[in-house]
Amino acid sequence: MMTRRILTDPLLWCLLLLLALVFGMPHMTRLFAALFPALDRPVYRQDSFASLAFAHLWLVLVSSMLAVVIGVGAGIWVTRPAGRAFHPLLETVAAVGQTFPPVAVPVMGFSAEPAVIARVLYGLLPIVQATIAGIETVPASLHDIATGAGMSRGQILRRLELPLAAPVIISGIRTSVIINIGTAAIASTVGVKSLGSPIIIGLSGFNTAYVLQGALLVALLAIISDMLFERWLRALDVSYGR
């Protein structure tokens, strides 16, 4: 029963397909030559797909972690009495960050730092909104009970608000990470290696095969990440007895 469940797990097959494409793409010349007979070089070979996938994941991981720290921290702050007046300003700043146009990234410079900054700006809004929404949906009656039990504000935050708000906050992080995986491909416009490299080179050189190869891997990464977040949320529901 367990073996059958593992073998029919879509996450497993998506992971296997991703690995097969990452390490097997250089050996698919005949396939892409048949699909795109007009192309002299139907498979991207400037960099290995393994190195591009690693660089893409590193960029997403670093920028997502920064976005989570900043977004959750800022969201918590504006739900406290001292920061409540800055609530509208925070959401406005986060919204402006997400509307930052991708084509403007090269203006910030050609290196990894501008790419990370741009990804953080893109990822803030869903995290900030989810953190605020999650904490504000905690019933006031529970706050009163916790206060009556002698809990401090810090204890209420750690033991009551954050555990109850966790599913909503994680949903916001989930949206942010999926956006990040897609927009990380644009980092290649500032010279950063990522799975966007074959896409950018393919677009500039009218090589549809390169675009398809990069897009397939980016899409699989997004699908796998979404499945992992779905299981995380499901595990939270089970732990909370929902």
Protein backbone atom coordinates (compact mmCIF):
# COMPACT_ATOMS: atom_id res chain seq x y z
CA MET A 1 0.00 0.00 0.00
CA MET A 2 2.78 2.40 0.95
CA THR A 3 4.77 1.49 -2.17
CA ARG A 4 1.75 2.08 -4.37
CA ARG A 5 1.14 5.47 -2.72
CA ILE A 6 4.75 6.50 -3.35
CA LEU A 7 4.70 5.34 -6.98
CA THR A 8 1.47 7.23 -7.68
CA ASP A 9 2.69 10.40 -5.97
CA PRO A 10 2.64 13.27 -8.53
CA LEU A 11 5.33 15.12 -6.59
CA LEU A 12 7.73 12.20 -7.05
CA TRP A 13 7.12 12.06 -10.79
CA CYS A 14 7.53 15.81 -11.17
CA LEU A 15 10.85 15.63 -9.31
CA LEU A 16 12.01 12.75 -11.48
CA LEU A 17 10.98 14.59 -14.63
CA LEU A 18 12.83 17.71 -13.48
CA LEU A 19 16.01 15.73 -12.81
CA ALA A 20 15.67 13.91 -16.13
CA LEU A 21 15.40 17.19 -18.02
CA VAL A 22 18.16 18.95 -16.06
CA PHE A 23 20.72 16.18 -16.60
CA GLY A 24 19.35 14.72 -19.82
CA MET A 25 18.68 17.85 -21.88
CA PRO A 26 22.12 17.81 -23.57
CA HIS A 27 21.32 14.32 -24.87
CA MET A 28 18.01 15.36 -26.44
CA THR A 29 19.53 16.93 -29.55
CA ARG A 30 17.72 14.55 -31.91
CA LEU A 31 14.36 15.25 -30.28
CA PHE A 32 14.67 19.02 -30.49
CA ALA A 33 16.21 18.82 -33.97
CA ALA A 34 13.08 16.94 -35.08
CA LEU A 35 10.81 19.47 -33.38
CA PHE A 36 12.73 22.47 -34.72
CA PRO A 37 14.42 21.36 -37.98
CA ALA A 38 15.25 24.92 -39.03
CA LEU A 39 17.60 25.45 -36.05
CA ASP A 40 21.31 24.69 -36.33
CA ARG A 41 21.70 24.43 -32.53
CA PRO A 42 18.48 23.04 -31.09
CA VAL A 43 19.85 22.46 -27.55
CA TYR A 44 21.26 25.16 -25.27
CA ARG A 45 24.91 24.38 -24.45
CA GLN A 46 26.48 27.65 -23.23
CA ASP A 47 26.04 26.43 -19.64
CA SER A 48 24.98 23.14 -18.10
CA PHE A 49 21.33 23.00 -17.09
CA ALA A 50 22.40 21.65 -13.69
CA SER A 51 24.44 24.79 -12.97
CA LEU A 52 21.62 27.01 -14.22
CA ALA A 53 19.07 25.19 -12.04
CA PHE A 54 21.33 25.52 -8.98
CA ALA A 55 21.87 29.24 -9.65
CA HIS A 56 18.12 29.74 -10.13
CA LEU A 57 17.31 27.96 -6.87
CA TRP A 58 19.98 29.95 -5.01
CA LEU A 59 18.54 33.23 -6.27
CA VAL A 60 14.99 32.22 -5.33
CA LEU A 61 16.06 30.91 -1.91
CA VAL A 62 18.06 34.01 -0.90
CA SER A 63 15.51 36.54 -2.12
CA SER A 64 12.56 34.58 -0.71
CA MET A 65 14.18 34.28 2.71
CA LEU A 66 14.83 38.03 2.79
CA ALA A 67 11.26 38.72 1.65
CA VAL A 68 9.88 36.44 4.38
CA VAL A 69 11.97 38.05 7.12
CA ILE A 70 11.10 41.59 6.01
CA GLY A 71 7.47 40.88 5.08
CA VAL A 72 6.51 38.87 8.17
CA GLY A 73 8.42 41.21 10.45
CA ALA A 74 6.82 44.32 8.98
CA GLY A 75 3.38 42.68 8.97
CA ILE A 76 3.67 41.83 12.66
CA TRP A 77 4.90 45.34 13.48
CA VAL A 78 1.92 47.13 11.94
CA THR A 79 -0.47 44.92 13.91
CA ARG A 80 1.12 46.12 17.17
CA PRO A 81 -0.15 49.33 18.81
CA ALA A 82 3.15 51.12 18.12
CA GLY A 83 3.09 50.42 14.37
CA ARG A 84 -0.63 50.39 13.57
CA ALA A 85 -0.49 53.93 12.14
CA PHE A 86 1.97 52.72 9.48
CA HIS A 87 -0.34 49.97 8.20
CA PRO A 88 -1.56 51.85 5.07
CA LEU A 89 1.96 53.09 4.29
CA LEU A 90 3.42 49.58 4.48
CA GLU A 91 0.87 48.09 2.10
CA THR A 92 1.39 50.98 -0.31
CA VAL A 93 5.17 50.53 -0.31
CA ALA A 94 4.81 46.76 -0.79
CA ALA A 95 2.35 47.27 -3.66
CA VAL A 96 4.69 49.73 -5.38
CA GLY A 97 7.51 47.20 -5.06
CA GLN A 98 5.49 44.54 -6.87
CA THR A 99 4.64 46.91 -9.72
CA PHE A 100 8.37 47.51 -10.29
CA PRO A 101 8.71 46.74 -14.03
CA PRO A 102 10.98 43.77 -14.88
CA VAL A 103 12.57 45.67 -17.77
CA ALA A 104 13.84 48.26 -15.29
CA VAL A 105 16.03 45.74 -13.44
CA PRO A 106 19.11 46.43 -15.65
CA VAL A 107 18.93 50.08 -14.56
CA MET A 108 19.94 48.94 -11.05
CA GLY A 109 23.16 47.38 -12.33
CA PHE A 110 24.50 44.20 -13.88
CA SER A 111 25.17 41.85 -10.96
CA ALA A 112 23.43 39.46 -8.58
CA GLU A 113 22.60 42.13 -5.99
CA PRO A 114 20.09 44.07 -8.15
CA ALA A 115 18.47 40.78 -9.11
CA VAL A 116 18.04 39.81 -5.45
CA ILE A 117 16.70 43.27 -4.54
CA ALA A 118 14.18 43.13 -7.39
CA ARG A 119 13.01 39.65 -6.33
CA VAL A 120 12.58 40.81 -2.71
CA LEU A 121 10.50 43.80 -3.86
CA TYR A 122 8.32 41.51 -5.96
CA GLY A 123 7.78 39.06 -3.14
CA LEU A 124 6.87 41.43 -0.30
CA LEU A 125 3.23 42.24 -1.03
CA PRO A 126 1.62 38.76 -0.67
CA ILE A 127 3.67 38.07 2.47
CA VAL A 128 2.82 41.39 4.11
CA GLN A 129 -0.88 41.10 3.28
CA ALA A 130 -1.08 37.48 4.45
CA THR A 131 0.71 38.24 7.73
CA ILE A 132 -1.58 41.15 8.53
CA ALA A 133 -4.71 39.22 7.51
CA GLY A 134 -3.71 36.13 9.46
CA ILE A 135 -2.98 37.98 12.69
CA GLU A 136 -6.04 40.22 12.45
CA THR A 137 -8.36 37.23 12.05
CA VAL A 138 -7.42 35.88 15.49
CA PRO A 139 -10.60 36.40 17.58
CA ALA A 140 -10.47 39.17 20.17
CA SER A 141 -11.98 36.77 22.71
CA LEU A 142 -8.83 34.65 22.55
CA HIS A 143 -6.73 37.75 23.19
CA ASP A 144 -8.84 38.49 26.26
CA ILE A 145 -8.46 34.93 27.54
CA ALA A 146 -4.69 35.00 27.02
CA THR A 147 -4.37 38.39 28.72
CA GLY A 148 -6.51 37.18 31.61
CA ALA A 149 -4.20 34.17 31.97
CA GLY A 150 -1.29 36.54 32.51
CA MET A 151 0.42 36.15 29.13
CA SER A 152 2.57 39.03 27.92
CA ARG A 153 2.21 40.57 24.44
CA GLY A 154 5.24 38.63 23.26
CA GLN A 155 3.81 35.36 24.57
CA ILE A 156 0.45 36.08 22.95
CA LEU A 157 2.21 36.66 19.63
CA ARG A 158 4.33 33.50 19.83
CA ARG A 159 1.84 31.09 21.39
CA LEU A 160 -1.49 32.36 20.04
CA GLU A 161 -1.36 34.73 17.08
CA LEU A 162 1.43 33.20 14.97
CA PRO A 163 0.27 29.55 15.34
CA LEU A 164 -3.31 30.48 14.38
CA ALA A 165 -2.17 32.79 11.58
CA ALA A 166 0.41 30.32 10.23
CA PRO A 167 -1.76 28.79 7.44
CA VAL A 168 -2.62 32.24 6.07
CA ILE A 169 0.98 33.45 6.34
CA ILE A 170 2.29 30.32 4.61
CA SER A 171 -0.26 30.82 1.81
CA GLY A 172 1.18 34.30 1.27
CA ILE A 173 4.73 32.94 1.27
CA ARG A 174 3.60 30.27 -1.20
CA THR A 175 2.33 32.93 -3.62
CA SER A 176 5.50 34.97 -3.17
CA VAL A 177 7.81 32.02 -3.88
CA ILE A 178 5.89 30.98 -7.00
CA ILE A 179 6.10 34.55 -8.31
CA ASN A 180 9.79 34.57 -7.43
CA ILE A 181 10.51 31.38 -9.36
CA GLY A 182 8.95 32.85 -12.48
CA THR A 183 10.47 36.31 -12.27
CA ALA A 184 13.93 34.96 -11.35
CA ALA A 185 14.28 34.10 -15.03
CA ILE A 186 14.42 37.83 -15.74
CA ALA A 187 17.63 38.04 -13.68
CA SER A 188 19.46 36.81 -16.76
CA THR A 189 18.92 40.24 -18.31
CA VAL A 190 21.45 41.63 -15.81
CA GLY A 191 24.03 38.93 -16.45
CA VAL A 192 23.00 36.57 -13.66
CA LYS A 193 22.98 32.89 -14.57
CA SER A 194 19.57 31.26 -14.12
CA LEU A 195 17.10 29.11 -16.01
CA GLY A 196 16.16 32.34 -17.71
CA SER A 197 19.49 32.32 -19.60
CA PRO A 198 18.30 30.01 -22.40
CA ILE A 199 14.99 31.90 -22.50
CA ILE A 200 16.65 35.31 -22.90
CA ILE A 201 19.20 34.04 -25.43
CA GLY A 202 16.48 32.16 -27.27
CA LEU A 203 14.28 35.25 -27.51
CA SER A 204 17.13 37.45 -28.71
CA GLY A 205 18.31 34.83 -31.23
CA PHE A 206 14.87 33.67 -32.39
CA ASN A 207 15.60 30.19 -31.05
CA THR A 208 12.28 28.76 -29.86
CA ALA A 209 13.93 25.54 -28.68
CA TYR A 210 16.03 27.41 -26.11
CA VAL A 211 12.95 29.24 -24.85
CA LEU A 212 11.04 25.98 -24.51
CA GLN A 213 13.87 24.27 -22.64
CA GLY A 214 14.20 27.06 -20.07
CA ALA A 215 10.45 27.52 -19.71
CA LEU A 216 9.86 23.79 -19.09
CA LEU A 217 12.33 23.74 -16.19
CA VAL A 218 11.00 26.97 -14.65
CA ALA A 219 7.44 25.66 -14.87
CA LEU A 220 8.40 22.35 -13.24
CA LEU A 221 10.17 24.17 -10.39
CA ALA A 222 7.04 26.26 -9.80
CA ILE A 223 4.78 23.18 -9.84
CA ILE A 224 7.01 21.26 -7.43
CA SER A 225 7.24 24.23 -5.05
CA ASP A 226 3.47 24.63 -5.11
CA MET A 227 3.01 20.94 -4.27
CA LEU A 228 5.46 21.21 -1.35
CA PHE A 229 3.62 24.20 0.09
CA GLU A 230 0.31 22.40 -0.33
CA ARG A 231 1.64 19.50 1.74
CA TRP A 232 3.02 21.86 4.35
CA LEU A 233 -0.40 23.48 4.74
CA ARG A 234 -2.05 20.05 4.88
CA ALA A 235 0.35 18.99 7.64
CA LEU A 236 -0.53 22.14 9.60
CA ASP A 237 -4.22 21.35 9.30
CA VAL A 238 -3.59 17.85 10.66
CA SER A 239 -1.45 19.13 13.54
CA TYR A 240 -4.14 21.64 14.51
CA GLY A 241 -6.87 19.00 14.18
CA ARG A 242 -8.74 20.83 11.42
